[in-house]
Amino acid sequence: MNRFAERLRELRLDSGMSRKQLAEACRTFERNISYWELGQRECNFDMLIKLANALNTTTDYLLGRTDY
């Protein structure tokens, strides 16, 4: 599993959000959240920003560039 997938799942669970709730917050489909968390697909840059905002983190943390 890649670092993005691990961190996305970890942050979503820590925030108490379901995949459906995160998908709604980012205006995407629940299956996309699943694909990203399983490392089967990559999201685009605009979605990366939406995910970071919804999870109250930075894009650098999601991508594994920082550890905070």
PDB file of N, CA and C in Angstrom:
ATOM      1  N   MET A   1       0.848  -1.183   0.000  1.00  0.00           N
ATOM      2  CA  MET A   1       0.000   0.000   0.000  1.00  0.00           C
ATOM      3  C   MET A   1       0.891   1.243   0.000  1.00  0.00           C
ATOM      4  N   ASN A   2       0.546   2.216  -0.808  1.00  0.00           N
ATOM      5  CA  ASN A   2       1.371   3.421  -0.862  1.00  0.00           C
ATOM      6  C   ASN A   2       1.050   4.360   0.302  1.00  0.00           C
ATOM      7  N   ARG A   3       1.928   5.277   0.528  1.00  0.00           N
ATOM      8  CA  ARG A   3       1.796   6.185   1.673  1.00  0.00           C
ATOM      9  C   ARG A   3       0.516   7.022   1.583  1.00  0.00           C
ATOM     10  N   PHE A   4       0.172   7.505   0.390  1.00  0.00           N
ATOM     11  CA  PHE A   4      -1.061   8.282   0.224  1.00  0.00           C
ATOM     12  C   PHE A   4      -2.265   7.456   0.656  1.00  0.00           C
ATOM     13  N   ALA A   5      -2.349   6.225   0.194  1.00  0.00           N
ATOM     14  CA  ALA A   5      -3.479   5.357   0.530  1.00  0.00           C
ATOM     15  C   ALA A   5      -3.569   5.128   2.036  1.00  0.00           C
ATOM     16  N   GLU A   6      -2.431   4.857   2.655  1.00  0.00           N
ATOM     17  CA  GLU A   6      -2.394   4.634   4.110  1.00  0.00           C
ATOM     18  C   GLU A   6      -2.857   5.857   4.876  1.00  0.00           C
ATOM     19  N   ARG A   7      -2.326   6.997   4.496  1.00  0.00           N
ATOM     20  CA  ARG A   7      -2.656   8.226   5.230  1.00  0.00           C
ATOM     21  C   ARG A   7      -4.091   8.661   4.993  1.00  0.00           C
ATOM     22  N   LEU A   8      -4.582   8.484   3.789  1.00  0.00           N
ATOM     23  CA  LEU A   8      -5.968   8.836   3.505  1.00  0.00           C
ATOM     24  C   LEU A   8      -6.902   8.026   4.394  1.00  0.00           C
ATOM     25  N   ARG A   9      -6.700   6.734   4.451  1.00  0.00           N
ATOM     26  CA  ARG A   9      -7.547   5.863   5.274  1.00  0.00           C
ATOM     27  C   ARG A   9      -7.400   6.200   6.758  1.00  0.00           C
ATOM     28  N   GLU A  10      -6.162   6.379   7.200  1.00  0.00           N
ATOM     29  CA  GLU A  10      -5.894   6.696   8.603  1.00  0.00           C
ATOM     30  C   GLU A  10      -6.601   7.989   9.023  1.00  0.00           C
ATOM     31  N   LEU A  11      -6.459   9.029   8.224  1.00  0.00           N
ATOM     32  CA  LEU A  11      -7.070  10.320   8.556  1.00  0.00           C
ATOM     33  C   LEU A  11      -8.591  10.248   8.529  1.00  0.00           C
ATOM     34  N   ARG A  12      -9.131   9.521   7.563  1.00  0.00           N
ATOM     35  CA  ARG A  12     -10.587   9.387   7.482  1.00  0.00           C
ATOM     36  C   ARG A  12     -11.119   8.683   8.721  1.00  0.00           C
ATOM     37  N   LEU A  13     -10.473   7.599   9.110  1.00  0.00           N
ATOM     38  CA  LEU A  13     -10.923   6.858  10.291  1.00  0.00           C
ATOM     39  C   LEU A  13     -10.744   7.683  11.559  1.00  0.00           C
ATOM     40  N   ASP A  14      -9.622   8.387  11.682  1.00  0.00           N
ATOM     41  CA  ASP A  14      -9.377   9.224  12.852  1.00  0.00           C
ATOM     42  C   ASP A  14     -10.405  10.346  12.983  1.00  0.00           C
ATOM     43  N   SER A  15     -10.892  10.820  11.857  1.00  0.00           N
ATOM     44  CA  SER A  15     -11.888  11.897  11.889  1.00  0.00           C
ATOM     45  C   SER A  15     -13.296  11.367  12.109  1.00  0.00           C
ATOM     46  N   GLY A  16     -13.444  10.041  12.091  1.00  0.00           N
ATOM     47  CA  GLY A  16     -14.757   9.439  12.309  1.00  0.00           C
ATOM     48  C   GLY A  16     -15.675   9.505  11.099  1.00  0.00           C
ATOM     49  N   MET A  17     -15.096   9.723   9.932  1.00  0.00           N
ATOM     50  CA  MET A  17     -15.893   9.825   8.708  1.00  0.00           C
ATOM     51  C   MET A  17     -15.971   8.471   8.013  1.00  0.00           C
ATOM     52  N   SER A  18     -17.112   8.218   7.430  1.00  0.00           N
ATOM     53  CA  SER A  18     -17.245   7.048   6.569  1.00  0.00           C
ATOM     54  C   SER A  18     -16.735   7.429   5.177  1.00  0.00           C
ATOM     55  N   ARG A  19     -16.539   6.438   4.345  1.00  0.00           N
ATOM     56  CA  ARG A  19     -16.144   6.741   2.962  1.00  0.00           C
ATOM     57  C   ARG A  19     -17.213   7.586   2.281  1.00  0.00           C
ATOM     58  N   LYS A  20     -18.452   7.277   2.576  1.00  0.00           N
ATOM     59  CA  LYS A  20     -19.565   8.026   1.973  1.00  0.00           C
ATOM     60  C   LYS A  20     -19.533   9.483   2.414  1.00  0.00           C
ATOM     61  N   GLN A  21     -19.289   9.732   3.689  1.00  0.00           N
ATOM     62  CA  GLN A  21     -19.240  11.106   4.188  1.00  0.00           C
ATOM     63  C   GLN A  21     -18.091  11.891   3.562  1.00  0.00           C
ATOM     64  N   LEU A  22     -16.940  11.244   3.452  1.00  0.00           N
ATOM     65  CA  LEU A  22     -15.802  11.918   2.824  1.00  0.00           C
ATOM     66  C   LEU A  22     -16.082  12.191   1.351  1.00  0.00           C
ATOM     67  N   ALA A  23     -16.684  11.240   0.692  1.00  0.00           N
ATOM     68  CA  ALA A  23     -17.030  11.426  -0.723  1.00  0.00           C
ATOM     69  C   ALA A  23     -17.986  12.607  -0.891  1.00  0.00           C
ATOM     70  N   GLU A  24     -18.974  12.699  -0.028  1.00  0.00           N
ATOM     71  CA  GLU A  24     -19.923  13.810  -0.104  1.00  0.00           C
ATOM     72  C   GLU A  24     -19.229  15.143   0.150  1.00  0.00           C
ATOM     73  N   ALA A  25     -18.324  15.172   1.118  1.00  0.00           N
ATOM     74  CA  ALA A  25     -17.597  16.408   1.435  1.00  0.00           C
ATOM     75  C   ALA A  25     -16.729  16.870   0.268  1.00  0.00           C
ATOM     76  N   CYS A  26     -16.242  15.902  -0.517  1.00  0.00           N
ATOM     77  CA  CYS A  26     -15.353  16.216  -1.645  1.00  0.00           C
ATOM     78  C   CYS A  26     -16.070  16.211  -2.989  1.00  0.00           C
ATOM     79  N   ARG A  27     -17.369  15.955  -2.957  1.00  0.00           N
ATOM     80  CA  ARG A  27     -18.173  15.908  -4.183  1.00  0.00           C
ATOM     81  C   ARG A  27     -17.626  14.900  -5.192  1.00  0.00           C
ATOM     82  N   THR A  28     -17.470  13.678  -4.706  1.00  0.00           N
ATOM     83  CA  THR A  28     -17.030  12.580  -5.564  1.00  0.00           C
ATOM     84  C   THR A  28     -17.824  11.332  -5.186  1.00  0.00           C
ATOM     85  N   PHE A  29     -17.480  10.227  -5.781  1.00  0.00           N
ATOM     86  CA  PHE A  29     -18.182   8.972  -5.512  1.00  0.00           C
ATOM     87  C   PHE A  29     -17.463   8.187  -4.415  1.00  0.00           C
ATOM     88  N   GLU A  30     -18.241   7.468  -3.634  1.00  0.00           N
ATOM     89  CA  GLU A  30     -17.693   6.649  -2.561  1.00  0.00           C
ATOM     90  C   GLU A  30     -16.690   5.631  -3.102  1.00  0.00           C
ATOM     91  N   ARG A  31     -16.954   5.092  -4.270  1.00  0.00           N
ATOM     92  CA  ARG A  31     -16.043   4.092  -4.840  1.00  0.00           C
ATOM     93  C   ARG A  31     -14.674   4.694  -5.140  1.00  0.00           C
ATOM     94  N   ASN A  32     -14.621   5.998  -5.446  1.00  0.00           N
ATOM     95  CA  ASN A  32     -13.323   6.646  -5.666  1.00  0.00           C
ATOM     96  C   ASN A  32     -12.504   6.659  -4.378  1.00  0.00           C
ATOM     97  N   ILE A  33     -13.155   6.958  -3.261  1.00  0.00           N
ATOM     98  CA  ILE A  33     -12.461   6.941  -1.972  1.00  0.00           C
ATOM     99  C   ILE A  33     -11.889   5.548  -1.740  1.00  0.00           C
ATOM    100  N   SER A  34     -12.681   4.549  -2.029  1.00  0.00           N
ATOM    101  CA  SER A  34     -12.240   3.159  -1.863  1.00  0.00           C
ATOM    102  C   SER A  34     -11.039   2.854  -2.752  1.00  0.00           C
ATOM    103  N   TYR A  35     -11.107   3.237  -4.025  1.00  0.00           N
ATOM    104  CA  TYR A  35      -9.980   3.012  -4.939  1.00  0.00           C
ATOM    105  C   TYR A  35      -8.707   3.660  -4.414  1.00  0.00           C
ATOM    106  N   TRP A  36      -8.818   4.895  -3.944  1.00  0.00           N
ATOM    107  CA  TRP A  36      -7.643   5.622  -3.462  1.00  0.00           C
ATOM    108  C   TRP A  36      -7.085   4.991  -2.199  1.00  0.00           C
ATOM    109  N   GLU A  37      -7.973   4.593  -1.281  1.00  0.00           N
ATOM    110  CA  GLU A  37      -7.514   3.977  -0.034  1.00  0.00           C
ATOM    111  C   GLU A  37      -6.864   2.615  -0.269  1.00  0.00           C
ATOM    112  N   LEU A  38      -7.281   1.926  -1.297  1.00  0.00           N
ATOM    113  CA  LEU A  38      -6.708   0.620  -1.615  1.00  0.00           C
ATOM    114  C   LEU A  38      -5.486   0.730  -2.530  1.00  0.00           C
ATOM    115  N   GLY A  39      -5.168   1.952  -2.946  1.00  0.00           N
ATOM    116  CA  GLY A  39      -4.019   2.177  -3.811  1.00  0.00           C
ATOM    117  C   GLY A  39      -4.229   1.706  -5.242  1.00  0.00           C
ATOM    118  N   GLN A  40      -5.490   1.565  -5.641  1.00  0.00           N
ATOM    119  CA  GLN A  40      -5.788   1.074  -6.981  1.00  0.00           C
ATOM    120  C   GLN A  40      -5.812   2.179  -8.028  1.00  0.00           C
ATOM    121  N   ARG A  41      -6.021   3.400  -7.582  1.00  0.00           N
ATOM    122  CA  ARG A  41      -6.038   4.555  -8.489  1.00  0.00           C
ATOM    123  C   ARG A  41      -5.461   5.752  -7.759  1.00  0.00           C
ATOM    124  N   GLU A  42      -5.148   6.782  -8.530  1.00  0.00           N
ATOM    125  CA  GLU A  42      -4.650   8.028  -7.971  1.00  0.00           C
ATOM    126  C   GLU A  42      -5.640   9.138  -8.267  1.00  0.00           C
ATOM    127  N   CYS A  43      -5.751  10.068  -7.340  1.00  0.00           N
ATOM    128  CA  CYS A  43      -6.657  11.192  -7.566  1.00  0.00           C
ATOM    129  C   CYS A  43      -5.900  12.313  -8.284  1.00  0.00           C
ATOM    130  N   ASN A  44      -6.647  13.255  -8.843  1.00  0.00           N
ATOM    131  CA  ASN A  44      -6.006  14.389  -9.498  1.00  0.00           C
ATOM    132  C   ASN A  44      -5.683  15.473  -8.467  1.00  0.00           C
ATOM    133  N   PHE A  45      -4.992  16.490  -8.894  1.00  0.00           N
ATOM    134  CA  PHE A  45      -4.524  17.535  -7.993  1.00  0.00           C
ATOM    135  C   PHE A  45      -5.671  18.273  -7.314  1.00  0.00           C
ATOM    136  N   ASP A  46      -6.709  18.598  -8.063  1.00  0.00           N
ATOM    137  CA  ASP A  46      -7.852  19.302  -7.478  1.00  0.00           C
ATOM    138  C   ASP A  46      -8.505  18.469  -6.380  1.00  0.00           C
ATOM    139  N   MET A  47      -8.623  17.177  -6.600  1.00  0.00           N
ATOM    140  CA  MET A  47      -9.224  16.308  -5.592  1.00  0.00           C
ATOM    141  C   MET A  47      -8.312  16.159  -4.384  1.00  0.00           C
ATOM    142  N   LEU A  48      -7.020  16.147  -4.603  1.00  0.00           N
ATOM    143  CA  LEU A  48      -6.070  16.076  -3.504  1.00  0.00           C
ATOM    144  C   LEU A  48      -6.280  17.253  -2.545  1.00  0.00           C
ATOM    145  N   ILE A  49      -6.481  18.424  -3.091  1.00  0.00           N
ATOM    146  CA  ILE A  49      -6.729  19.614  -2.277  1.00  0.00           C
ATOM    147  C   ILE A  49      -8.048  19.475  -1.516  1.00  0.00           C
ATOM    148  N   LYS A  50      -9.090  18.989  -2.175  1.00  0.00           N
ATOM    149  CA  LYS A  50     -10.387  18.791  -1.512  1.00  0.00           C
ATOM    150  C   LYS A  50     -10.271  17.785  -0.367  1.00  0.00           C
ATOM    151  N   LEU A  51      -9.547  16.704  -0.604  1.00  0.00           N
ATOM    152  CA  LEU A  51      -9.358  15.695   0.437  1.00  0.00           C
ATOM    153  C   LEU A  51      -8.611  16.276   1.635  1.00  0.00           C
ATOM    154  N   ALA A  52      -7.555  17.018   1.369  1.00  0.00           N
ATOM    155  CA  ALA A  52      -6.777  17.630   2.452  1.00  0.00           C
ATOM    156  C   ALA A  52      -7.643  18.585   3.264  1.00  0.00           C
ATOM    157  N   ASN A  53      -8.432  19.385   2.589  1.00  0.00           N
ATOM    158  CA  ASN A  53      -9.315  20.319   3.291  1.00  0.00           C
ATOM    159  C   ASN A  53     -10.358  19.582   4.122  1.00  0.00           C
ATOM    160  N   ALA A  54     -10.964  18.563   3.560  1.00  0.00           N
ATOM    161  CA  ALA A  54     -12.009  17.807   4.262  1.00  0.00           C
ATOM    162  C   ALA A  54     -11.443  17.083   5.477  1.00  0.00           C
ATOM    163  N   LEU A  55     -10.180  16.676   5.403  1.00  0.00           N
ATOM    164  CA  LEU A  55      -9.551  15.930   6.492  1.00  0.00           C
ATOM    165  C   LEU A  55      -8.691  16.818   7.391  1.00  0.00           C
ATOM    166  N   ASN A  56      -8.731  18.128   7.134  1.00  0.00           N
ATOM    167  CA  ASN A  56      -8.015  19.098   7.948  1.00  0.00           C
ATOM    168  C   ASN A  56      -6.517  18.775   8.043  1.00  0.00           C
ATOM    169  N   THR A  57      -5.921  18.566   6.894  1.00  0.00           N
ATOM    170  CA  THR A  57      -4.491  18.260   6.820  1.00  0.00           C
ATOM    171  C   THR A  57      -3.904  18.975   5.618  1.00  0.00           C
ATOM    172  N   THR A  58      -2.661  18.681   5.314  1.00  0.00           N
ATOM    173  CA  THR A  58      -2.009  19.292   4.157  1.00  0.00           C
ATOM    174  C   THR A  58      -1.840  18.258   3.040  1.00  0.00           C
ATOM    175  N   THR A  59      -1.687  18.760   1.853  1.00  0.00           N
ATOM    176  CA  THR A  59      -1.427  17.861   0.728  1.00  0.00           C
ATOM    177  C   THR A  59      -0.073  17.177   0.909  1.00  0.00           C
ATOM    178  N   ASP A  60       0.886  17.886   1.469  1.00  0.00           N
ATOM    179  CA  ASP A  60       2.208  17.286   1.708  1.00  0.00           C
ATOM    180  C   ASP A  60       2.118  16.101   2.654  1.00  0.00           C
ATOM    181  N   TYR A  61       1.297  16.211   3.699  1.00  0.00           N
ATOM    182  CA  TYR A  61       1.144  15.075   4.618  1.00  0.00           C
ATOM    183  C   TYR A  61       0.488  13.900   3.889  1.00  0.00           C
ATOM    184  N   LEU A  62      -0.567  14.166   3.147  1.00  0.00           N
ATOM    185  CA  LEU A  62      -1.238  13.088   2.426  1.00  0.00           C
ATOM    186  C   LEU A  62      -0.292  12.376   1.457  1.00  0.00           C
ATOM    187  N   LEU A  63       0.579  13.133   0.833  1.00  0.00           N
ATOM    188  CA  LEU A  63       1.502  12.553  -0.147  1.00  0.00           C
ATOM    189  C   LEU A  63       2.741  11.936   0.489  1.00  0.00           C
ATOM    190  N   GLY A  64       2.895  12.094   1.802  1.00  0.00           N
ATOM    191  CA  GLY A  64       4.045  11.508   2.477  1.00  0.00           C
ATOM    192  C   GLY A  64       5.288  12.354   2.434  1.00  0.00           C
ATOM    193  N   ARG A  65       5.134  13.619   2.068  1.00  0.00           N
ATOM    194  CA  ARG A  65       6.294  14.507   2.002  1.00  0.00           C
ATOM    195  C   ARG A  65       6.689  15.059   3.359  1.00  0.00           C
ATOM    196  N   THR A  66       5.731  15.099   4.306  1.00  0.00           N
ATOM    197  CA  THR A  66       6.008  15.519   5.675  1.00  0.00           C
ATOM    198  C   THR A  66       5.359  14.537   6.625  1.00  0.00           C
ATOM    199  N   ASP A  67       5.798  14.575   7.871  1.00  0.00           N
ATOM    200  CA  ASP A  67       5.230  13.681   8.871  1.00  0.00           C
ATOM    201  C   ASP A  67       4.365  14.416   9.887  1.00  0.00           C
ATOM    202  N   TYR A  68       3.890  15.604   9.546  1.00  0.00           N
ATOM    203  CA  TYR A  68       3.024  16.367  10.441  1.00  0.00           C
ATOM    204  C   TYR A  68       1.919  17.022   9.684  1.00  0.00           C
TER     205      TYR A  68
END
